[in-house]
Amino acid sequence: MKAMQKSELYISTIGVLLIINQLFVLGFAIAGNPINVGGILSIIVGILGGLVAIVYFREKKMIGVAFCLFLIGLTIILADIERAFSTDESDNFVASLLYVVTGVVLVYHSASLAIGLKTGSAKSILCLAVISILELYLFLSVVRRGDDLTAFDWTNLIMAIEHGAFIVILTRPEMMISPFLKRLRTNSDVLYDAMVSDPEVYVDRKDVERLTDISDGPEWTHLDNGPVERETTVGLHSRWTATEMLLQKWKDDDRLHLTVRNKGTDSYNIVMSMVVDQTVLSKNDDGKVTKIRFYGQEGVFADVIVVSDDELTKGYIDIIKSKMAAAKAKKQS
């Protein structure tokens, strides 16, 4: 049985709180306190929706958060919409109208979040903060006046505590959802870091032949099991990274299978993996290889700079930059 993630626990907690809250309201109604049709519907939606959140949405963070916000907004709308449009001055018209408007905003933002629009969860959390403060204010106002506390007042206190708990849960790092553009930038940065190596990475010139000719030799390790016939590694050098290229010859496949991975650890991350359809060498005026380009499928390619030991003593970064500048100038001329 897999361990429950924190986000699963938090979404389940919201579902449980929704159920408990509506059970309290149901208890007030059973005790003889007046409740309108919207309030009854709010109880039904809160209890059933809480169960659905726990059973079906706890493992899906984005949709789970959106569904919980939708439930919270819908229960608020159902519970207060009749009072918001009531002509009875004994009802708090302004507070009820604010509840309904806040509920509508929550429903809107939950839908936007579910379909991946630009919104995040911050605006919905702000709405929850507004109604939680209002509910607490209404309760404390009655206490300060010294009036007898009614079931409605106690309901306001319970709601304030519940909405405050929702805010605490939704602001946890595991539950907080950033706006779309921020998520896009973050995901792009992660993708770039995963797919692009250090621009100063290079391969030693003595290893060029091994990268362009995958004929069998003493440097290859033969494998008896699996789809791989034989494999070898070629080091990638840099001041900042410790990576290597794993070269593989698969059974019944004459193409080179290339994987760039980190090295020097018991386990490693794969930076890039591709099947090489063609290898192209770039050479300088002296006929020395300066770059290897590996072409894969669907236009994918990877460039690897080639540097020898004697060039390193002169400062390989400057050499690489000068060669790239020369190549650019030659292309433009």
C-alpha atoms as a PDB file:
ATOM      1  CA  MET A   1       0.000   0.000   0.000  1.00  0.00           C
ATOM      2  CA  LYS A   2       1.527   3.328  -1.036  1.00  0.00           C
ATOM      3  CA  ALA A   3       2.099   6.109   1.494  1.00  0.00           C
ATOM      4  CA  MET A   4      -0.395   8.980   1.337  1.00  0.00           C
ATOM      5  CA  GLN A   5       1.055  12.212  -0.049  1.00  0.00           C
ATOM      6  CA  LYS A   6       0.602  15.419   1.950  1.00  0.00           C
ATOM      7  CA  SER A   7      -1.655  16.876  -0.731  1.00  0.00           C
ATOM      8  CA  GLU A   8      -3.899  13.786  -0.473  1.00  0.00           C
ATOM      9  CA  LEU A   9      -4.109  14.249   3.291  1.00  0.00           C
ATOM     10  CA  TYR A  10      -4.952  17.938   2.960  1.00  0.00           C
ATOM     11  CA  ILE A  11      -7.671  17.387   0.349  1.00  0.00           C
ATOM     12  CA  SER A  12      -9.139  14.604   2.501  1.00  0.00           C
ATOM     13  CA  THR A  13      -9.076  16.970   5.496  1.00  0.00           C
ATOM     14  CA  ILE A  14     -11.043  19.599   3.561  1.00  0.00           C
ATOM     15  CA  GLY A  15     -13.604  16.950   2.667  1.00  0.00           C
ATOM     16  CA  VAL A  16     -13.907  15.859   6.298  1.00  0.00           C
ATOM     17  CA  LEU A  17     -14.268  19.475   7.498  1.00  0.00           C
ATOM     18  CA  LEU A  18     -17.024  20.107   4.962  1.00  0.00           C
ATOM     19  CA  ILE A  19     -18.899  17.056   6.191  1.00  0.00           C
ATOM     20  CA  ILE A  20     -18.457  17.908   9.882  1.00  0.00           C
ATOM     21  CA  ASN A  21     -19.528  21.520   9.335  1.00  0.00           C
ATOM     22  CA  GLN A  22     -22.701  20.522   7.495  1.00  0.00           C
ATOM     23  CA  LEU A  23     -23.490  17.953  10.178  1.00  0.00           C
ATOM     24  CA  PHE A  24     -23.328  20.751  12.776  1.00  0.00           C
ATOM     25  CA  VAL A  25     -25.738  22.835  10.697  1.00  0.00           C
ATOM     26  CA  LEU A  26     -27.977  19.796  10.301  1.00  0.00           C
ATOM     27  CA  GLY A  27     -27.953  19.369  14.078  1.00  0.00           C
ATOM     28  CA  PHE A  28     -29.098  22.960  14.543  1.00  0.00           C
ATOM     29  CA  ALA A  29     -31.931  22.367  12.088  1.00  0.00           C
ATOM     30  CA  ILE A  30     -32.990  19.146  13.806  1.00  0.00           C
ATOM     31  CA  ALA A  31     -32.980  21.014  17.132  1.00  0.00           C
ATOM     32  CA  GLY A  32     -35.761  23.214  15.759  1.00  0.00           C
ATOM     33  CA  ASN A  33     -33.810  26.203  14.436  1.00  0.00           C
ATOM     34  CA  PRO A  34     -35.225  27.624  11.191  1.00  0.00           C
ATOM     35  CA  ILE A  35     -33.470  26.704   7.962  1.00  0.00           C
ATOM     36  CA  ASN A  36     -34.437  27.590   4.409  1.00  0.00           C
ATOM     37  CA  VAL A  37     -34.422  25.411   1.294  1.00  0.00           C
ATOM     38  CA  GLY A  38     -31.024  26.734   0.239  1.00  0.00           C
ATOM     39  CA  GLY A  39     -29.595  25.765   3.617  1.00  0.00           C
ATOM     40  CA  ILE A  40     -30.909  22.199   3.210  1.00  0.00           C
ATOM     41  CA  LEU A  41     -29.367  21.987  -0.267  1.00  0.00           C
ATOM     42  CA  SER A  42     -26.100  23.359   1.151  1.00  0.00           C
ATOM     43  CA  ILE A  43     -26.057  20.556   3.734  1.00  0.00           C
ATOM     44  CA  ILE A  44     -26.640  17.908   1.064  1.00  0.00           C
ATOM     45  CA  VAL A  45     -24.004  19.345  -1.289  1.00  0.00           C
ATOM     46  CA  GLY A  46     -21.464  19.749   1.532  1.00  0.00           C
ATOM     47  CA  ILE A  47     -21.814  16.198   2.840  1.00  0.00           C
ATOM     48  CA  LEU A  48     -21.946  14.447  -0.538  1.00  0.00           C
ATOM     49  CA  GLY A  49     -19.285  16.707  -2.048  1.00  0.00           C
ATOM     50  CA  GLY A  50     -16.971  16.124   0.904  1.00  0.00           C
ATOM     51  CA  LEU A  51     -17.281  12.376   0.397  1.00  0.00           C
ATOM     52  CA  VAL A  52     -16.580  12.750  -3.337  1.00  0.00           C
ATOM     53  CA  ALA A  53     -13.488  14.890  -2.613  1.00  0.00           C
ATOM     54  CA  ILE A  54     -12.122  12.238  -0.247  1.00  0.00           C
ATOM     55  CA  VAL A  55     -12.847   9.251  -2.480  1.00  0.00           C
ATOM     56  CA  TYR A  56     -12.231  10.571  -6.003  1.00  0.00           C
ATOM     57  CA  PHE A  57     -10.125  13.747  -5.884  1.00  0.00           C
ATOM     58  CA  ARG A  58      -7.613  13.382  -3.074  1.00  0.00           C
ATOM     59  CA  GLU A  59      -4.915  12.004  -5.414  1.00  0.00           C
ATOM     60  CA  LYS A  60      -5.334  14.765  -8.026  1.00  0.00           C
ATOM     61  CA  LYS A  61      -3.920  17.960  -6.541  1.00  0.00           C
ATOM     62  CA  MET A  62      -4.950  20.515  -9.171  1.00  0.00           C
ATOM     63  CA  ILE A  63      -8.425  19.103  -9.766  1.00  0.00           C
ATOM     64  CA  GLY A  64      -8.778  18.284  -6.062  1.00  0.00           C
ATOM     65  CA  VAL A  65      -8.110  21.878  -4.996  1.00  0.00           C
ATOM     66  CA  ALA A  66     -10.435  23.182  -7.724  1.00  0.00           C
ATOM     67  CA  PHE A  67     -13.217  20.795  -6.672  1.00  0.00           C
ATOM     68  CA  CYS A  68     -12.883  21.726  -2.989  1.00  0.00           C
ATOM     69  CA  LEU A  69     -13.012  25.449  -3.801  1.00  0.00           C
ATOM     70  CA  PHE A  70     -16.070  24.792  -5.972  1.00  0.00           C
ATOM     71  CA  LEU A  71     -17.785  22.974  -3.093  1.00  0.00           C
ATOM     72  CA  ILE A  72     -16.991  25.741  -0.628  1.00  0.00           C
ATOM     73  CA  GLY A  73     -18.311  28.409  -2.994  1.00  0.00           C
ATOM     74  CA  LEU A  74     -21.448  26.462  -3.888  1.00  0.00           C
ATOM     75  CA  THR A  75     -22.372  25.723  -0.262  1.00  0.00           C
ATOM     76  CA  ILE A  76     -21.945  29.416   0.567  1.00  0.00           C
ATOM     77  CA  ILE A  77     -24.188  30.456  -2.328  1.00  0.00           C
ATOM     78  CA  LEU A  78     -26.904  27.947  -1.455  1.00  0.00           C
ATOM     79  CA  ALA A  79     -26.879  28.823   2.248  1.00  0.00           C
ATOM     80  CA  ASP A  80     -27.112  32.603   1.794  1.00  0.00           C
ATOM     81  CA  ILE A  81     -28.744  33.380  -1.538  1.00  0.00           C
ATOM     82  CA  GLU A  82     -32.272  33.450  -0.116  1.00  0.00           C
ATOM     83  CA  ARG A  83     -31.284  35.811   2.731  1.00  0.00           C
ATOM     84  CA  ALA A  84     -29.317  38.017   0.305  1.00  0.00           C
ATOM     85  CA  PHE A  85     -32.463  38.762  -1.687  1.00  0.00           C
ATOM     86  CA  SER A  86     -34.892  38.794   1.218  1.00  0.00           C
ATOM     87  CA  THR A  87     -36.855  41.969   2.004  1.00  0.00           C
ATOM     88  CA  ASP A  88     -36.946  41.025   5.685  1.00  0.00           C
ATOM     89  CA  GLU A  89     -34.781  43.649   7.414  1.00  0.00           C
ATOM     90  CA  SER A  90     -34.118  41.297  10.321  1.00  0.00           C
ATOM     91  CA  ASP A  91     -31.758  39.407   8.034  1.00  0.00           C
ATOM     92  CA  ASN A  92     -28.301  40.828   7.501  1.00  0.00           C
ATOM     93  CA  PHE A  93     -28.723  41.765   3.854  1.00  0.00           C
ATOM     94  CA  VAL A  94     -25.207  43.178   3.326  1.00  0.00           C
ATOM     95  CA  ALA A  95     -23.433  40.216   4.903  1.00  0.00           C
ATOM     96  CA  SER A  96     -25.531  37.683   3.017  1.00  0.00           C
ATOM     97  CA  LEU A  97     -25.008  39.493  -0.275  1.00  0.00           C
ATOM     98  CA  LEU A  98     -21.257  39.542   0.366  1.00  0.00           C
ATOM     99  CA  TYR A  99     -21.370  35.795   1.084  1.00  0.00           C
ATOM    100  CA  VAL A 100     -23.120  35.115  -2.206  1.00  0.00           C
ATOM    101  CA  VAL A 101     -20.732  37.305  -4.223  1.00  0.00           C
ATOM    102  CA  THR A 102     -17.757  35.611  -2.558  1.00  0.00           C
ATOM    103  CA  GLY A 103     -19.250  32.204  -3.298  1.00  0.00           C
ATOM    104  CA  VAL A 104     -19.687  33.126  -6.953  1.00  0.00           C
ATOM    105  CA  VAL A 105     -16.047  34.252  -7.133  1.00  0.00           C
ATOM    106  CA  LEU A 106     -14.927  30.979  -5.561  1.00  0.00           C
ATOM    107  CA  VAL A 107     -16.941  28.950  -8.060  1.00  0.00           C
ATOM    108  CA  TYR A 108     -15.566  31.010 -10.952  1.00  0.00           C
ATOM    109  CA  HIS A 109     -11.964  30.655  -9.820  1.00  0.00           C
ATOM    110  CA  SER A 110     -12.359  26.956  -9.172  1.00  0.00           C
ATOM    111  CA  ALA A 111     -13.605  26.475 -12.733  1.00  0.00           C
ATOM    112  CA  SER A 112     -10.744  28.578 -14.112  1.00  0.00           C
ATOM    113  CA  LEU A 113      -8.260  26.558 -12.088  1.00  0.00           C
ATOM    114  CA  ALA A 114      -9.726  23.260 -13.258  1.00  0.00           C
ATOM    115  CA  ILE A 115      -9.398  24.112 -16.948  1.00  0.00           C
ATOM    116  CA  GLY A 116      -5.926  25.592 -16.560  1.00  0.00           C
ATOM    117  CA  LEU A 117      -6.523  29.312 -17.123  1.00  0.00           C
ATOM    118  CA  LYS A 118      -4.246  32.052 -15.810  1.00  0.00           C
ATOM    119  CA  THR A 119      -5.589  32.026 -12.274  1.00  0.00           C
ATOM    120  CA  GLY A 120      -4.019  30.388  -9.242  1.00  0.00           C
ATOM    121  CA  SER A 121      -5.427  29.609  -5.816  1.00  0.00           C
ATOM    122  CA  ALA A 122      -4.372  32.921  -4.187  1.00  0.00           C
ATOM    123  CA  LYS A 123      -7.528  34.852  -5.153  1.00  0.00           C
ATOM    124  CA  SER A 124      -9.767  32.120  -3.805  1.00  0.00           C
ATOM    125  CA  ILE A 125      -7.788  32.080  -0.556  1.00  0.00           C
ATOM    126  CA  LEU A 126      -8.300  35.846  -0.284  1.00  0.00           C
ATOM    127  CA  CYS A 127     -12.056  35.342  -0.692  1.00  0.00           C
ATOM    128  CA  LEU A 128     -12.012  32.775   2.097  1.00  0.00           C
ATOM    129  CA  ALA A 129     -10.128  35.233   4.308  1.00  0.00           C
ATOM    130  CA  VAL A 130     -12.738  37.936   3.691  1.00  0.00           C
ATOM    131  CA  ILE A 131     -15.722  35.778   4.649  1.00  0.00           C
ATOM    132  CA  SER A 132     -13.858  34.202   7.589  1.00  0.00           C
ATOM    133  CA  ILE A 133     -13.136  37.667   9.024  1.00  0.00           C
ATOM    134  CA  LEU A 134     -16.743  38.731   8.393  1.00  0.00           C
ATOM    135  CA  GLU A 135     -18.138  35.640  10.141  1.00  0.00           C
ATOM    136  CA  LEU A 136     -15.865  36.161  13.115  1.00  0.00           C
ATOM    137  CA  TYR A 137     -16.785  39.846  13.238  1.00  0.00           C
ATOM    138  CA  LEU A 138     -20.524  39.056  13.284  1.00  0.00           C
ATOM    139  CA  PHE A 139     -20.050  36.606  16.156  1.00  0.00           C
ATOM    140  CA  LEU A 140     -17.859  38.959  18.199  1.00  0.00           C
ATOM    141  CA  SER A 141     -20.289  41.828  17.625  1.00  0.00           C
ATOM    142  CA  VAL A 142     -23.050  39.864  19.342  1.00  0.00           C
ATOM    143  CA  VAL A 143     -20.682  38.959  22.200  1.00  0.00           C
ATOM    144  CA  ARG A 144     -19.572  42.578  22.602  1.00  0.00           C
ATOM    145  CA  ARG A 145     -23.197  43.795  22.749  1.00  0.00           C
ATOM    146  CA  GLY A 146     -23.946  41.224  25.409  1.00  0.00           C
ATOM    147  CA  ASP A 147     -26.868  39.732  23.466  1.00  0.00           C
ATOM    148  CA  ASP A 148     -27.847  36.110  23.794  1.00  0.00           C
ATOM    149  CA  LEU A 149     -26.036  33.912  21.299  1.00  0.00           C
ATOM    150  CA  THR A 150     -28.382  32.192  18.858  1.00  0.00           C
ATOM    151  CA  ALA A 151     -27.822  29.147  16.671  1.00  0.00           C
ATOM    152  CA  PHE A 152     -27.122  31.547  13.806  1.00  0.00           C
ATOM    153  CA  ASP A 153     -24.334  33.206  15.794  1.00  0.00           C
ATOM    154  CA  TRP A 154     -22.753  29.878  16.703  1.00  0.00           C
ATOM    155  CA  THR A 155     -22.971  28.875  13.052  1.00  0.00           C
ATOM    156  CA  ASN A 156     -21.005  32.009  12.142  1.00  0.00           C
ATOM    157  CA  LEU A 157     -18.280  31.030  14.604  1.00  0.00           C
ATOM    158  CA  ILE A 158     -18.116  27.465  13.272  1.00  0.00           C
ATOM    159  CA  MET A 159     -17.969  28.772   9.713  1.00  0.00           C
ATOM    160  CA  ALA A 160     -15.193  31.231  10.602  1.00  0.00           C
ATOM    161  CA  ILE A 161     -13.133  28.426  12.130  1.00  0.00           C
ATOM    162  CA  GLU A 162     -13.792  26.146   9.167  1.00  0.00           C
ATOM    163  CA  HIS A 163     -12.886  28.768   6.568  1.00  0.00           C
ATOM    164  CA  GLY A 164      -9.784  29.668   8.583  1.00  0.00           C
ATOM    165  CA  ALA A 165      -8.787  26.007   8.516  1.00  0.00           C
ATOM    166  CA  PHE A 166      -9.295  25.954   4.745  1.00  0.00           C
ATOM    167  CA  ILE A 167      -6.958  28.946   4.416  1.00  0.00           C
ATOM    168  CA  VAL A 168      -4.267  27.219   6.485  1.00  0.00           C
ATOM    169  CA  ILE A 169      -4.560  24.068   4.359  1.00  0.00           C
ATOM    170  CA  LEU A 170      -4.629  25.818   0.980  1.00  0.00           C
ATOM    171  CA  THR A 171      -1.573  27.943   1.828  1.00  0.00           C
ATOM    172  CA  ARG A 172       0.577  24.889   2.574  1.00  0.00           C
ATOM    173  CA  PRO A 173       3.480  24.552   0.072  1.00  0.00           C
ATOM    174  CA  GLU A 174       2.071  21.194  -1.047  1.00  0.00           C
ATOM    175  CA  MET A 175      -1.327  22.756  -1.817  1.00  0.00           C
ATOM    176  CA  MET A 176      -0.559  26.281  -3.006  1.00  0.00           C
ATOM    177  CA  ILE A 177      -1.088  26.637  -6.759  1.00  0.00           C
ATOM    178  CA  SER A 178       0.743  29.480  -8.500  1.00  0.00           C
ATOM    179  CA  PRO A 179      -0.800  31.515 -11.340  1.00  0.00           C
ATOM    180  CA  PHE A 180      -0.607  29.972 -14.797  1.00  0.00           C
ATOM    181  CA  LEU A 181       2.236  32.154 -16.093  1.00  0.00           C
ATOM    182  CA  LYS A 182       4.364  31.454 -13.034  1.00  0.00           C
ATOM    183  CA  ARG A 183       3.680  27.719 -13.392  1.00  0.00           C
ATOM    184  CA  LEU A 184       4.627  27.979 -17.057  1.00  0.00           C
ATOM    185  CA  ARG A 185       7.899  29.737 -16.265  1.00  0.00           C
ATOM    186  CA  THR A 186       8.711  27.236 -13.528  1.00  0.00           C
ATOM    187  CA  ASN A 187       7.938  24.229 -15.719  1.00  0.00           C
ATOM    188  CA  SER A 188       9.945  25.746 -18.572  1.00  0.00           C
ATOM    189  CA  ASP A 189      12.924  26.267 -16.270  1.00  0.00           C
ATOM    190  CA  VAL A 190      12.694  22.683 -15.053  1.00  0.00           C
ATOM    191  CA  LEU A 191      12.393  21.391 -18.611  1.00  0.00           C
ATOM    192  CA  TYR A 192      15.343  23.521 -19.743  1.00  0.00           C
ATOM    193  CA  ASP A 193      17.508  22.343 -16.830  1.00  0.00           C
ATOM    194  CA  ALA A 194      16.593  18.739 -17.599  1.00  0.00           C
ATOM    195  CA  MET A 195      17.243  18.884 -21.340  1.00  0.00           C
ATOM    196  CA  VAL A 196      20.149  21.329 -21.732  1.00  0.00           C
ATOM    197  CA  SER A 197      23.637  20.647 -20.491  1.00  0.00           C
ATOM    198  CA  ASP A 198      26.256  23.146 -19.384  1.00  0.00           C
ATOM    199  CA  PRO A 199      27.305  25.144 -22.498  1.00  0.00           C
ATOM    200  CA  GLU A 200      30.943  24.666 -21.465  1.00  0.00           C
ATOM    201  CA  VAL A 201      30.700  20.873 -21.549  1.00  0.00           C
ATOM    202  CA  TYR A 202      33.120  19.285 -23.992  1.00  0.00           C
ATOM    203  CA  VAL A 203      34.429  15.895 -25.061  1.00  0.00           C
ATOM    204  CA  ASP A 204      38.090  15.056 -25.437  1.00  0.00           C
ATOM    205  CA  ARG A 205      39.313  14.905 -29.027  1.00  0.00           C
ATOM    206  CA  LYS A 206      40.648  11.380 -28.505  1.00  0.00           C
ATOM    207  CA  ASP A 207      37.089  10.148 -28.003  1.00  0.00           C
ATOM    208  CA  VAL A 208      35.742  11.478 -31.308  1.00  0.00           C
ATOM    209  CA  GLU A 209      36.278   8.193 -33.126  1.00  0.00           C
ATOM    210  CA  ARG A 210      34.348   6.294 -30.460  1.00  0.00           C
ATOM    211  CA  LEU A 211      31.406   8.636 -30.976  1.00  0.00           C
ATOM    212  CA  THR A 212      31.402   8.331 -34.749  1.00  0.00           C
ATOM    213  CA  ASP A 213      32.270   4.650 -35.171  1.00  0.00           C
ATOM    214  CA  ILE A 214      30.343   2.142 -33.081  1.00  0.00           C
ATOM    215  CA  SER A 215      32.233  -0.895 -34.329  1.00  0.00           C
ATOM    216  CA  ASP A 216      32.968  -3.491 -31.687  1.00  0.00           C
ATOM    217  CA  GLY A 217      36.190  -3.138 -29.730  1.00  0.00           C
ATOM    218  CA  PRO A 218      37.875  -3.758 -26.352  1.00  0.00           C
ATOM    219  CA  GLU A 219      36.282  -0.676 -24.785  1.00  0.00           C
ATOM    220  CA  TRP A 220      32.784  -2.125 -25.232  1.00  0.00           C
ATOM    221  CA  THR A 221      31.036  -4.181 -22.552  1.00  0.00           C
ATOM    222  CA  HIS A 222      28.862  -6.982 -23.917  1.00  0.00           C
ATOM    223  CA  LEU A 223      25.542  -7.752 -22.238  1.00  0.00           C
ATOM    224  CA  ASP A 224      23.916 -11.157 -22.297  1.00  0.00           C
ATOM    225  CA  ASN A 225      20.376 -10.188 -21.302  1.00  0.00           C
ATOM    226  CA  GLY A 226      17.984  -7.505 -22.488  1.00  0.00           C
ATOM    227  CA  PRO A 227      17.745  -5.545 -25.732  1.00  0.00           C
ATOM    228  CA  VAL A 228      21.228  -3.988 -25.450  1.00  0.00           C
ATOM    229  CA  GLU A 229      24.006  -5.881 -27.236  1.00  0.00           C
ATOM    230  CA  ARG A 230      26.953  -3.843 -25.881  1.00  0.00           C
ATOM    231  CA  GLU A 231      27.686  -0.469 -24.289  1.00  0.00           C
ATOM    232  CA  THR A 232      30.481   1.888 -23.312  1.00  0.00           C
ATOM    233  CA  THR A 233      30.851   5.336 -21.765  1.00  0.00           C
ATOM    234  CA  VAL A 234      32.574   8.523 -22.887  1.00  0.00           C
ATOM    235  CA  GLY A 235      33.262  11.244 -20.358  1.00  0.00           C
ATOM    236  CA  LEU A 236      31.905  14.770 -20.675  1.00  0.00           C
ATOM    237  CA  HIS A 237      34.167  17.372 -19.106  1.00  0.00           C
ATOM    238  CA  SER A 238      33.280  20.655 -17.446  1.00  0.00           C
ATOM    239  CA  ARG A 239      34.168  22.764 -14.471  1.00  0.00           C
ATOM    240  CA  TRP A 240      30.636  22.530 -13.076  1.00  0.00           C
ATOM    241  CA  THR A 241      29.089  19.235 -14.097  1.00  0.00           C
ATOM    242  CA  ALA A 242      29.994  15.552 -13.773  1.00  0.00           C
ATOM    243  CA  THR A 243      28.284  13.867 -16.689  1.00  0.00           C
ATOM    244  CA  GLU A 244      29.029  11.153 -19.203  1.00  0.00           C
ATOM    245  CA  MET A 245      27.609   9.743 -22.390  1.00  0.00           C
ATOM    246  CA  LEU A 246      26.414   6.171 -22.338  1.00  0.00           C
ATOM    247  CA  LEU A 247      26.778   4.703 -25.834  1.00  0.00           C
ATOM    248  CA  GLN A 248      24.759   1.599 -26.617  1.00  0.00           C
ATOM    249  CA  LYS A 249      24.446  -0.737 -29.582  1.00  0.00           C
ATOM    250  CA  TRP A 250      21.081  -2.468 -29.431  1.00  0.00           C
ATOM    251  CA  LYS A 251      20.387  -5.873 -30.895  1.00  0.00           C
ATOM    252  CA  ASP A 252      19.139  -5.767 -34.509  1.00  0.00           C
ATOM    253  CA  ASP A 253      19.687  -1.991 -34.619  1.00  0.00           C
ATOM    254  CA  ASP A 254      22.750  -0.416 -36.249  1.00  0.00           C
ATOM    255  CA  ARG A 255      22.048   3.050 -34.865  1.00  0.00           C
ATOM    256  CA  LEU A 256      23.831   4.563 -31.880  1.00  0.00           C
ATOM    257  CA  HIS A 257      21.680   4.916 -28.762  1.00  0.00           C
ATOM    258  CA  LEU A 258      22.993   7.902 -26.793  1.00  0.00           C
ATOM    259  CA  THR A 259      22.185   8.783 -23.182  1.00  0.00           C
ATOM    260  CA  VAL A 260      23.669  11.697 -21.249  1.00  0.00           C
ATOM    261  CA  ARG A 261      23.644  11.058 -17.508  1.00  0.00           C
ATOM    262  CA  ASN A 262      25.372  12.257 -14.379  1.00  0.00           C
ATOM    263  CA  LYS A 263      28.173  10.127 -13.030  1.00  0.00           C
ATOM    264  CA  GLY A 264      30.040   9.454  -9.826  1.00  0.00           C
ATOM    265  CA  THR A 265      26.950   8.401  -7.854  1.00  0.00           C
ATOM    266  CA  ASP A 266      25.222   5.134  -7.075  1.00  0.00           C
ATOM    267  CA  SER A 267      22.110   6.397  -8.855  1.00  0.00           C
ATOM    268  CA  TYR A 268      21.914   8.916 -11.664  1.00  0.00           C
ATOM    269  CA  ASN A 269      19.573  11.259 -13.471  1.00  0.00           C
ATOM    270  CA  ILE A 270      19.198  11.074 -17.228  1.00  0.00           C
ATOM    271  CA  VAL A 271      19.806  14.496 -18.758  1.00  0.00           C
ATOM    272  CA  MET A 272      19.025  13.450 -22.323  1.00  0.00           C
ATOM    273  CA  SER A 273      18.414  10.275 -24.280  1.00  0.00           C
ATOM    274  CA  MET A 274      18.112   9.878 -28.050  1.00  0.00           C
ATOM    275  CA  VAL A 275      18.567   7.475 -30.934  1.00  0.00           C
ATOM    276  CA  VAL A 276      21.188   8.892 -33.322  1.00  0.00           C
ATOM    277  CA  ASP A 277      20.231   8.698 -36.990  1.00  0.00           C
ATOM    278  CA  GLN A 278      23.166  10.762 -38.235  1.00  0.00           C
ATOM    279  CA  THR A 279      26.411  12.220 -36.882  1.00  0.00           C
ATOM    280  CA  VAL A 280      27.916  15.355 -38.435  1.00  0.00           C
ATOM    281  CA  LEU A 281      31.382  16.701 -37.640  1.00  0.00           C
ATOM    282  CA  SER A 282      32.319  20.387 -37.779  1.00  0.00           C
ATOM    283  CA  LYS A 283      35.973  21.122 -38.519  1.00  0.00           C
ATOM    284  CA  ASN A 284      38.170  24.217 -38.488  1.00  0.00           C
ATOM    285  CA  ASP A 285      40.518  25.393 -41.232  1.00  0.00           C
ATOM    286  CA  ASP A 286      43.224  23.039 -39.927  1.00  0.00           C
ATOM    287  CA  GLY A 287      40.928  20.042 -40.355  1.00  0.00           C
ATOM    288  CA  LYS A 288      40.462  19.498 -36.617  1.00  0.00           C
ATOM    289  CA  VAL A 289      37.038  18.499 -35.330  1.00  0.00           C
ATOM    290  CA  THR A 290      35.575  21.295 -33.203  1.00  0.00           C
ATOM    291  CA  LYS A 291      32.018  20.060 -32.733  1.00  0.00           C
ATOM    292  CA  ILE A 292      29.941  16.917 -33.103  1.00  0.00           C
ATOM    293  CA  ARG A 293      26.254  17.207 -33.898  1.00  0.00           C
ATOM    294  CA  PHE A 294      24.016  14.198 -33.260  1.00  0.00           C
ATOM    295  CA  TYR A 295      20.749  14.165 -35.209  1.00  0.00           C
ATOM    296  CA  GLY A 296      17.855  12.166 -33.817  1.00  0.00           C
ATOM    297  CA  GLN A 297      14.252  11.757 -34.847  1.00  0.00           C
ATOM    298  CA  GLU A 298      11.761  14.572 -35.569  1.00  0.00           C
ATOM    299  CA  GLY A 299      14.470  17.215 -35.936  1.00  0.00           C
ATOM    300  CA  VAL A 300      16.034  16.656 -32.503  1.00  0.00           C
ATOM    301  CA  PHE A 301      19.771  17.271 -32.364  1.00  0.00           C
ATOM    302  CA  ALA A 302      22.504  17.705 -29.757  1.00  0.00           C
ATOM    303  CA  ASP A 303      25.837  19.529 -30.093  1.00  0.00           C
ATOM    304  CA  VAL A 304      28.994  18.526 -28.235  1.00  0.00           C
ATOM    305  CA  ILE A 305      32.139  20.688 -28.323  1.00  0.00           C
ATOM    306  CA  VAL A 306      35.433  18.890 -28.999  1.00  0.00           C
ATOM    307  CA  VAL A 307      38.600  20.072 -27.250  1.00  0.00           C
ATOM    308  CA  SER A 308      42.044  18.458 -26.863  1.00  0.00           C
ATOM    309  CA  ASP A 309      44.433  18.614 -23.915  1.00  0.00           C
ATOM    310  CA  ASP A 310      46.842  21.056 -25.566  1.00  0.00           C
ATOM    311  CA  GLU A 311      43.975  23.466 -26.173  1.00  0.00           C
ATOM    312  CA  LEU A 312      42.899  23.236 -22.559  1.00  0.00           C
ATOM    313  CA  THR A 313      46.195  24.660 -21.360  1.00  0.00           C
ATOM    314  CA  LYS A 314      45.422  27.810 -23.341  1.00  0.00           C
ATOM    315  CA  GLY A 315      41.987  28.151 -21.778  1.00  0.00           C
ATOM    316  CA  TYR A 316      39.314  26.081 -23.457  1.00  0.00           C
ATOM    317  CA  ILE A 317      36.486  28.537 -22.747  1.00  0.00           C
ATOM    318  CA  ASP A 318      38.150  31.268 -24.767  1.00  0.00           C
ATOM    319  CA  ILE A 319      38.947  28.794 -27.524  1.00  0.00           C
ATOM    320  CA  ILE A 320      35.348  27.603 -27.710  1.00  0.00           C
ATOM    321  CA  LYS A 321      34.029  31.145 -27.759  1.00  0.00           C
ATOM    322  CA  SER A 322      36.472  32.184 -30.453  1.00  0.00           C
ATOM    323  CA  LYS A 323      35.632  29.170 -32.605  1.00  0.00           C
ATOM    324  CA  MET A 324      31.916  29.812 -32.237  1.00  0.00           C
ATOM    325  CA  ALA A 325      32.408  33.505 -33.064  1.00  0.00           C
ATOM    326  CA  ALA A 326      34.477  32.607 -36.108  1.00  0.00           C
ATOM    327  CA  ALA A 327      31.863  30.152 -37.296  1.00  0.00           C
ATOM    328  CA  LYS A 328      29.123  32.754 -36.838  1.00  0.00           C
ATOM    329  CA  ALA A 329      31.123  35.375 -38.717  1.00  0.00           C
ATOM    330  CA  LYS A 330      31.819  32.926 -41.540  1.00  0.00           C
ATOM    331  CA  LYS A 331      28.120  32.091 -41.802  1.00  0.00           C
ATOM    332  CA  GLN A 332      27.150  35.744 -41.985  1.00  0.00           C
ATOM    333  CA  SER A 333      29.739  36.589 -44.641  1.00  0.00           C
END
